Amino acid sequence: MHFGFSYVGLIFLVMLMVPNIVWSKHQPKDYDKYVGNENKVLLTLERAGEVLTSALCLIFSDFNIGSIRPRSAWLLAAFLLMILYEVYWIRYFKSEKTMADMYSSILGIPVAGATLPVMAFFLLGIYGRNIPLIISVIILGIGHIGIHLAHKNEIK
């Protein structure tokens, strides 16, 4: 692991944050009813994972594109997942913006809005051979995906 700025990490964070900023103005109907019911342990894991993942993906240059190697397939897969995440958001923004739309799946991936970026950052950690990022993404995933699955179960 090598300390240094990661432009790839920055690109991933921009791809993550821009739709979320837009979403803040287009939240699903009745979203506030569900937020109050969130499991505090999952919420703590989610917040810790968000901070750690955001920081770690920026401060290690190992995520930047170097020579093309077999392990570059991990980076390509991660990037494709982030593109699919953008497709998920486009579909959401074109929808009626209900809770069911928010927690929908895409290509069989459940709660795609939570699962896709977690999977992408996990693969980024594998590509960069960065154990701290992998661990922080697991923490994030437990909290973030757990909260989204709980919300999805509440709307049934």
C-alpha atoms as a PDB file:
ATOM      1  CA  MET A   1       0.000   0.000   0.000  1.00  0.00           C
ATOM      2  CA  HIS A   2       1.294   3.399  -0.988  1.00  0.00           C
ATOM      3  CA  PHE A   3       0.098   6.692   0.421  1.00  0.00           C
ATOM      4  CA  GLY A   4      -0.769   9.268  -2.201  1.00  0.00           C
ATOM      5  CA  PHE A   5      -3.794  10.821  -3.859  1.00  0.00           C
ATOM      6  CA  SER A   6      -6.055   8.488  -5.804  1.00  0.00           C
ATOM      7  CA  TYR A   7      -7.829  10.084  -8.738  1.00  0.00           C
ATOM      8  CA  VAL A   8      -9.662   6.789  -9.264  1.00  0.00           C
ATOM      9  CA  GLY A   9     -10.977   7.007  -5.701  1.00  0.00           C
ATOM     10  CA  LEU A  10     -12.086  10.569  -6.399  1.00  0.00           C
ATOM     11  CA  ILE A  11     -13.898   9.503  -9.580  1.00  0.00           C
ATOM     12  CA  PHE A  12     -15.698   6.757  -7.645  1.00  0.00           C
ATOM     13  CA  LEU A  13     -16.694   9.207  -4.901  1.00  0.00           C
ATOM     14  CA  VAL A  14     -17.999  11.722  -7.447  1.00  0.00           C
ATOM     15  CA  MET A  15     -20.016   8.960  -9.116  1.00  0.00           C
ATOM     16  CA  LEU A  16     -21.380   8.093  -5.679  1.00  0.00           C
ATOM     17  CA  MET A  17     -22.084  11.584  -4.379  1.00  0.00           C
ATOM     18  CA  VAL A  18     -23.584  13.439  -7.355  1.00  0.00           C
ATOM     19  CA  PRO A  19     -26.723  11.269  -7.543  1.00  0.00           C
ATOM     20  CA  ASN A  20     -27.057  11.404  -3.760  1.00  0.00           C
ATOM     21  CA  ILE A  21     -26.952  15.201  -3.812  1.00  0.00           C
ATOM     22  CA  VAL A  22     -29.658  15.246  -6.495  1.00  0.00           C
ATOM     23  CA  TRP A  23     -31.607  12.634  -4.486  1.00  0.00           C
ATOM     24  CA  SER A  24     -31.680  14.961  -1.477  1.00  0.00           C
ATOM     25  CA  LYS A  25     -34.104  17.117  -3.503  1.00  0.00           C
ATOM     26  CA  HIS A  26     -36.057  14.109  -4.841  1.00  0.00           C
ATOM     27  CA  GLN A  27     -36.532  11.791  -1.882  1.00  0.00           C
ATOM     28  CA  PRO A  28     -39.253   9.154  -2.103  1.00  0.00           C
ATOM     29  CA  LYS A  29     -42.698   9.854  -0.773  1.00  0.00           C
ATOM     30  CA  ASP A  30     -42.963   9.051   2.963  1.00  0.00           C
ATOM     31  CA  TYR A  31     -39.191   8.592   3.318  1.00  0.00           C
ATOM     32  CA  ASP A  32     -39.148  10.455   6.639  1.00  0.00           C
ATOM     33  CA  LYS A  33     -41.470   7.825   8.179  1.00  0.00           C
ATOM     34  CA  TYR A  34     -38.872   5.122   7.599  1.00  0.00           C
ATOM     35  CA  VAL A  35     -35.725   6.972   8.671  1.00  0.00           C
ATOM     36  CA  GLY A  36     -36.851   7.138  12.298  1.00  0.00           C
ATOM     37  CA  ASN A  37     -37.074   3.342  12.451  1.00  0.00           C
ATOM     38  CA  GLU A  38     -33.458   2.686  11.461  1.00  0.00           C
ATOM     39  CA  ASN A  39     -31.476   0.296  13.627  1.00  0.00           C
ATOM     40  CA  LYS A  40     -28.934   2.375  15.570  1.00  0.00           C
ATOM     41  CA  VAL A  41     -26.210  -0.278  15.355  1.00  0.00           C
ATOM     42  CA  LEU A  42     -26.591  -0.514  11.579  1.00  0.00           C
ATOM     43  CA  LEU A  43     -26.637   3.282  11.356  1.00  0.00           C
ATOM     44  CA  THR A  44     -23.397   3.512  13.353  1.00  0.00           C
ATOM     45  CA  LEU A  45     -21.741   0.902  11.132  1.00  0.00           C
ATOM     46  CA  GLU A  46     -22.968   2.702   8.021  1.00  0.00           C
ATOM     47  CA  ARG A  47     -21.619   6.099   9.152  1.00  0.00           C
ATOM     48  CA  ALA A  48     -18.268   4.675  10.248  1.00  0.00           C
ATOM     49  CA  GLY A  49     -17.978   2.754   6.982  1.00  0.00           C
ATOM     50  CA  GLU A  50     -18.832   5.850   4.944  1.00  0.00           C
ATOM     51  CA  VAL A  51     -16.140   7.947   6.605  1.00  0.00           C
ATOM     52  CA  LEU A  52     -13.489   5.239   6.438  1.00  0.00           C
ATOM     53  CA  THR A  53     -14.265   4.221   2.856  1.00  0.00           C
ATOM     54  CA  SER A  54     -14.327   7.823   1.626  1.00  0.00           C
ATOM     55  CA  ALA A  55     -11.014   8.657   3.256  1.00  0.00           C
ATOM     56  CA  LEU A  56      -9.200   5.435   2.383  1.00  0.00           C
ATOM     57  CA  CYS A  57     -10.123   5.430  -1.298  1.00  0.00           C
ATOM     58  CA  LEU A  58      -8.564   8.895  -1.623  1.00  0.00           C
ATOM     59  CA  ILE A  59      -5.311   8.498   0.294  1.00  0.00           C
ATOM     60  CA  PHE A  60      -3.812   5.425  -1.385  1.00  0.00           C
ATOM     61  CA  SER A  61      -2.371   5.771  -4.871  1.00  0.00           C
ATOM     62  CA  ASP A  62      -2.654   1.998  -5.392  1.00  0.00           C
ATOM     63  CA  PHE A  63      -6.137   2.546  -6.859  1.00  0.00           C
ATOM     64  CA  ASN A  64      -4.791   4.641  -9.731  1.00  0.00           C
ATOM     65  CA  ILE A  65      -4.462   3.026 -13.136  1.00  0.00           C
ATOM     66  CA  GLY A  66      -0.976   1.731 -13.797  1.00  0.00           C
ATOM     67  CA  SER A  67       0.004  -0.868 -16.289  1.00  0.00           C
ATOM     68  CA  ILE A  68      -2.675  -3.250 -17.483  1.00  0.00           C
ATOM     69  CA  ARG A  69      -2.384  -6.517 -15.587  1.00  0.00           C
ATOM     70  CA  PRO A  70      -4.717  -9.432 -14.964  1.00  0.00           C
ATOM     71  CA  ARG A  71      -5.809  -7.789 -11.704  1.00  0.00           C
ATOM     72  CA  SER A  72      -6.979  -4.755 -13.721  1.00  0.00           C
ATOM     73  CA  ALA A  73     -10.113  -6.825 -14.330  1.00  0.00           C
ATOM     74  CA  TRP A  74     -11.090  -6.015 -10.715  1.00  0.00           C
ATOM     75  CA  LEU A  75     -10.927  -2.293 -11.487  1.00  0.00           C
ATOM     76  CA  LEU A  76     -12.935  -2.755 -14.675  1.00  0.00           C
ATOM     77  CA  ALA A  77     -15.579  -4.750 -12.790  1.00  0.00           C
ATOM     78  CA  ALA A  78     -15.728  -2.092 -10.073  1.00  0.00           C
ATOM     79  CA  PHE A  79     -16.142   0.657 -12.651  1.00  0.00           C
ATOM     80  CA  LEU A  80     -18.889  -1.299 -14.445  1.00  0.00           C
ATOM     81  CA  LEU A  81     -20.735  -1.648 -11.139  1.00  0.00           C
ATOM     82  CA  MET A  82     -20.494   2.123 -10.651  1.00  0.00           C
ATOM     83  CA  ILE A  83     -21.894   2.672 -14.152  1.00  0.00           C
ATOM     84  CA  LEU A  84     -24.757   0.327 -13.282  1.00  0.00           C
ATOM     85  CA  TYR A  85     -25.227   2.402 -10.107  1.00  0.00           C
ATOM     86  CA  GLU A  86     -25.648   5.501 -12.300  1.00  0.00           C
ATOM     87  CA  VAL A  87     -28.205   3.602 -14.407  1.00  0.00           C
ATOM     88  CA  TYR A  88     -30.066   2.725 -11.202  1.00  0.00           C
ATOM     89  CA  TRP A  89     -30.254   6.435 -10.300  1.00  0.00           C
ATOM     90  CA  ILE A  90     -31.411   7.473 -13.762  1.00  0.00           C
ATOM     91  CA  ARG A  91     -34.176   4.907 -13.500  1.00  0.00           C
ATOM     92  CA  TYR A  92     -35.092   6.172 -10.019  1.00  0.00           C
ATOM     93  CA  PHE A  93     -35.170   9.831 -11.085  1.00  0.00           C
ATOM     94  CA  LYS A  94     -37.456   8.952 -14.005  1.00  0.00           C
ATOM     95  CA  SER A  95     -39.794   6.982 -11.709  1.00  0.00           C
ATOM     96  CA  GLU A  96     -42.612   8.169  -9.467  1.00  0.00           C
ATOM     97  CA  LYS A  97     -40.014   8.247  -6.657  1.00  0.00           C
ATOM     98  CA  THR A  98     -41.784   5.898  -4.276  1.00  0.00           C
ATOM     99  CA  MET A  99     -40.144   3.847  -1.548  1.00  0.00           C
ATOM    100  CA  ALA A 100     -40.516   0.782  -3.789  1.00  0.00           C
ATOM    101  CA  ASP A 101     -38.622   2.636  -6.542  1.00  0.00           C
ATOM    102  CA  MET A 102     -35.896   3.583  -4.064  1.00  0.00           C
ATOM    103  CA  TYR A 103     -35.317   0.010  -2.903  1.00  0.00           C
ATOM    104  CA  SER A 104     -35.708  -1.699  -6.259  1.00  0.00           C
ATOM    105  CA  SER A 105     -33.317  -4.210  -7.749  1.00  0.00           C
ATOM    106  CA  ILE A 106     -31.503  -4.044 -11.044  1.00  0.00           C
ATOM    107  CA  LEU A 107     -30.302  -7.107 -12.973  1.00  0.00           C
ATOM    108  CA  GLY A 108     -31.304  -9.228  -9.993  1.00  0.00           C
ATOM    109  CA  ILE A 109     -29.133  -7.237  -7.568  1.00  0.00           C
ATOM    110  CA  PRO A 110     -31.334  -6.473  -4.543  1.00  0.00           C
ATOM    111  CA  VAL A 111     -31.548  -2.928  -3.123  1.00  0.00           C
ATOM    112  CA  ALA A 112     -29.289  -1.837  -5.943  1.00  0.00           C
ATOM    113  CA  GLY A 113     -28.830   1.707  -4.644  1.00  0.00           C
ATOM    114  CA  ALA A 114     -27.051   0.319  -1.595  1.00  0.00           C
ATOM    115  CA  THR A 115     -25.543  -2.887  -2.948  1.00  0.00           C
ATOM    116  CA  LEU A 116     -23.895  -1.649  -6.156  1.00  0.00           C
ATOM    117  CA  PRO A 117     -21.560   0.972  -4.644  1.00  0.00           C
ATOM    118  CA  VAL A 118     -20.622  -1.334  -1.784  1.00  0.00           C
ATOM    119  CA  MET A 119     -19.716  -4.053  -4.268  1.00  0.00           C
ATOM    120  CA  ALA A 120     -17.808  -1.553  -6.424  1.00  0.00           C
ATOM    121  CA  PHE A 121     -15.719  -0.193  -3.562  1.00  0.00           C
ATOM    122  CA  PHE A 122     -15.059  -3.743  -2.346  1.00  0.00           C
ATOM    123  CA  LEU A 123     -13.689  -4.648  -5.777  1.00  0.00           C
ATOM    124  CA  LEU A 124     -11.670  -1.430  -5.782  1.00  0.00           C
ATOM    125  CA  GLY A 125     -10.114  -2.606  -2.511  1.00  0.00           C
ATOM    126  CA  ILE A 126      -9.266  -5.951  -4.085  1.00  0.00           C
ATOM    127  CA  TYR A 127      -7.763  -4.213  -7.119  1.00  0.00           C
ATOM    128  CA  GLY A 128      -5.618  -1.978  -4.898  1.00  0.00           C
ATOM    129  CA  ARG A 129      -4.777  -4.876  -2.555  1.00  0.00           C
ATOM    130  CA  ASN A 130      -5.872  -2.616   0.255  1.00  0.00           C
ATOM    131  CA  ILE A 131      -7.034  -4.534   3.329  1.00  0.00           C
ATOM    132  CA  PRO A 132      -8.103  -1.397   5.276  1.00  0.00           C
ATOM    133  CA  LEU A 133     -10.442  -0.384   2.431  1.00  0.00           C
ATOM    134  CA  ILE A 134     -11.840  -3.903   2.157  1.00  0.00           C
ATOM    135  CA  ILE A 135     -12.561  -3.954   5.904  1.00  0.00           C
ATOM    136  CA  SER A 136     -14.132  -0.481   5.846  1.00  0.00           C
ATOM    137  CA  VAL A 137     -16.347  -1.493   2.921  1.00  0.00           C
ATOM    138  CA  ILE A 138     -17.495  -4.597   4.802  1.00  0.00           C
ATOM    139  CA  ILE A 139     -18.423  -2.377   7.759  1.00  0.00           C
ATOM    140  CA  LEU A 140     -20.204   0.007   5.384  1.00  0.00           C
ATOM    141  CA  GLY A 141     -21.988  -2.836   3.648  1.00  0.00           C
ATOM    142  CA  ILE A 142     -23.321  -4.365   6.849  1.00  0.00           C
ATOM    143  CA  GLY A 143     -24.790  -1.039   7.895  1.00  0.00           C
ATOM    144  CA  HIS A 144     -25.864   0.425   4.557  1.00  0.00           C
ATOM    145  CA  ILE A 145     -27.287  -2.687   2.946  1.00  0.00           C
ATOM    146  CA  GLY A 146     -28.806  -3.746   6.276  1.00  0.00           C
ATOM    147  CA  ILE A 147     -30.671  -0.447   6.598  1.00  0.00           C
ATOM    148  CA  HIS A 148     -31.891  -0.585   3.006  1.00  0.00           C
ATOM    149  CA  LEU A 149     -33.091  -4.173   3.377  1.00  0.00           C
ATOM    150  CA  ALA A 150     -34.974  -3.189   6.548  1.00  0.00           C
ATOM    151  CA  HIS A 151     -36.641  -0.304   4.702  1.00  0.00           C
ATOM    152  CA  LYS A 152     -37.537  -2.610   1.826  1.00  0.00           C
ATOM    153  CA  ASN A 153     -39.108  -5.090   4.251  1.00  0.00           C
ATOM    154  CA  GLU A 154     -41.084  -2.272   5.912  1.00  0.00           C
ATOM    155  CA  ILE A 155     -42.725  -1.214   2.667  1.00  0.00           C
ATOM    156  CA  LYS A 156     -44.044  -4.712   1.926  1.00  0.00           C
END
